[in-house]
C-alpha atoms as a PDB file:
ATOM      1  CA  MET A   1      10.557  -6.771  22.330  1.00  0.00           C
ATOM      2  CA  LEU A   2       8.511  -5.439  18.816  1.00  0.00           C
ATOM      3  CA  THR A   3       8.705  -8.791  16.895  1.00  0.00           C
ATOM      4  CA  LEU A   4       6.724 -10.314  19.962  1.00  0.00           C
ATOM      5  CA  SER A   5       4.337  -7.498  19.928  1.00  0.00           C
ATOM      6  CA  LEU A   6       4.163  -8.008  16.397  1.00  0.00           C
ATOM      7  CA  ALA A   7       3.804 -11.708  16.198  1.00  0.00           C
ATOM      8  CA  SER A   8       1.179 -11.016  18.438  1.00  0.00           C
ATOM      9  CA  GLU A   9      -1.082  -8.636  16.838  1.00  0.00           C
ATOM     10  CA  LEU A  10      -0.513 -10.693  13.584  1.00  0.00           C
ATOM     11  CA  SER A  11      -2.186 -13.431  15.113  1.00  0.00           C
ATOM     12  CA  THR A  12      -5.772 -12.035  15.269  1.00  0.00           C
ATOM     13  CA  PHE A  13      -5.505 -11.974  10.980  1.00  0.00           C
ATOM     14  CA  THR A  14      -6.154 -15.402   9.140  1.00  0.00           C
ATOM     15  CA  MET A  15      -2.946 -15.038   7.104  1.00  0.00           C
ATOM     16  CA  SER A  16      -3.191 -17.630   3.956  1.00  0.00           C
ATOM     17  CA  GLN A  17      -1.746 -18.417   0.458  1.00  0.00           C
ATOM     18  CA  GLY A  18      -4.768 -19.377  -1.298  1.00  0.00           C
ATOM     19  CA  ASN A  19      -7.255 -17.805  -3.220  1.00  0.00           C
ATOM     20  CA  THR A  20      -9.423 -17.208  -0.139  1.00  0.00           C
ATOM     21  CA  ARG A  21     -11.439 -13.978   0.876  1.00  0.00           C
ATOM     22  CA  PHE A  22     -10.387 -12.118   3.966  1.00  0.00           C
ATOM     23  CA  THR A  23      -6.875 -12.907   4.337  1.00  0.00           C
ATOM     24  CA  SER A  24      -3.867 -11.447   4.553  1.00  0.00           C
ATOM     25  CA  ARG A  25      -0.189 -12.228   3.258  1.00  0.00           C
ATOM     26  CA  VAL A  26       3.278 -10.319   4.953  1.00  0.00           C
ATOM     27  CA  ALA A  27       6.421  -9.623   3.876  1.00  0.00           C
ATOM     28  CA  ILE A  28       9.012  -8.579   5.823  1.00  0.00           C
ATOM     29  CA  ILE A  29      11.937  -6.291   5.083  1.00  0.00           C
ATOM     30  CA  THR A  30      14.523  -4.950   7.691  1.00  0.00           C
ATOM     31  CA  TYR A  31      16.766  -2.246   7.121  1.00  0.00           C
ATOM     32  CA  ALA A  32      19.746  -0.159   8.985  1.00  0.00           C
ATOM     33  CA  ASP A  33      21.965   1.041   6.251  1.00  0.00           C
ATOM     34  CA  THR A  34      20.712  -0.931   3.775  1.00  0.00           C
ATOM     35  CA  ALA A  35      17.511  -2.590   3.030  1.00  0.00           C
ATOM     36  CA  ASN A  36      17.274  -6.475   3.494  1.00  0.00           C
ATOM     37  CA  LYS A  37      14.321  -8.398   2.292  1.00  0.00           C
ATOM     38  CA  VAL A  38      13.954 -11.351   4.706  1.00  0.00           C
ATOM     39  CA  ALA A  39      10.633 -12.565   3.416  1.00  0.00           C
ATOM     40  CA  GLN A  40       8.179 -11.796   0.331  1.00  0.00           C
ATOM     41  CA  LEU A  41       4.766 -12.026   0.046  1.00  0.00           C
ATOM     42  CA  THR A  42       4.894 -15.445  -0.955  1.00  0.00           C
ATOM     43  CA  THR A  43       6.947 -16.670   1.983  1.00  0.00           C
ATOM     44  CA  TYR A  44       4.905 -17.311   4.729  1.00  0.00           C
ATOM     45  CA  ALA A  45       1.978 -19.873   4.755  1.00  0.00           C
ATOM     46  CA  ASN A  46       0.154 -19.213   7.803  1.00  0.00           C
ATOM     47  CA  ILE A  47       0.755 -17.020  11.232  1.00  0.00           C
ATOM     48  CA  THR A  48       3.154 -19.885  13.262  1.00  0.00           C
ATOM     49  CA  GLN A  49       5.691 -19.223  10.217  1.00  0.00           C
ATOM     50  CA  ILE A  50       5.553 -15.780  10.228  1.00  0.00           C
ATOM     51  CA  GLN A  51       5.889 -15.489  14.685  1.00  0.00           C
ATOM     52  CA  GLN A  52       9.130 -17.707  13.538  1.00  0.00           C
ATOM     53  CA  GLY A  53      10.131 -15.461  10.552  1.00  0.00           C
ATOM     54  CA  LEU A  54       9.793 -12.678  12.971  1.00  0.00           C
ATOM     55  CA  LEU A  55      11.475 -14.148  16.358  1.00  0.00           C
ATOM     56  CA  SER A  56      14.242 -15.176  13.871  1.00  0.00           C
ATOM     57  CA  ILE A  57      15.062 -11.262  12.743  1.00  0.00           C
ATOM     58  CA  ASN A  58      18.867  -9.972  14.075  1.00  0.00           C
ATOM     59  CA  VAL A  59      19.376  -6.502  15.962  1.00  0.00           C
ATOM     60  CA  SER A  60      21.180  -4.437  13.444  1.00  0.00           C
ATOM     61  CA  SER A  61      24.528  -3.057  15.305  1.00  0.00           C
ATOM     62  CA  SER A  62      24.459  -0.012  12.976  1.00  0.00           C
ATOM     63  CA  SER A  63      23.559   3.515  13.847  1.00  0.00           C
ATOM     64  CA  SER A  64      23.263   4.861  10.733  1.00  0.00           C
ATOM     65  CA  VAL A  65      20.987   5.955   8.584  1.00  0.00           C
ATOM     66  CA  ALA A  66      23.206   6.593   5.463  1.00  0.00           C
ATOM     67  CA  GLY A  67      21.037   5.660   1.871  1.00  0.00           C
ATOM     68  CA  LEU A  68      17.444   5.414   3.596  1.00  0.00           C
ATOM     69  CA  PHE A  69      16.427   8.556   1.671  1.00  0.00           C
ATOM     70  CA  LYS A  70      16.514   9.301  -2.114  1.00  0.00           C
END
């Protein structure tokens, strides 16, 4: 499952909302028929929250990519 792999890969980075050097932030956007902003860059403060957010994403039943290209 992609979300498990991505959550594992992201755990190698230091995640933070603080003004410290060498930290990363994550936003999550899903798309099928339309784009859906799941989380902004300011949503998650640590890797545990990011992993929970990734694992909570539901799989879309849509097979359409209409509207994704402009």
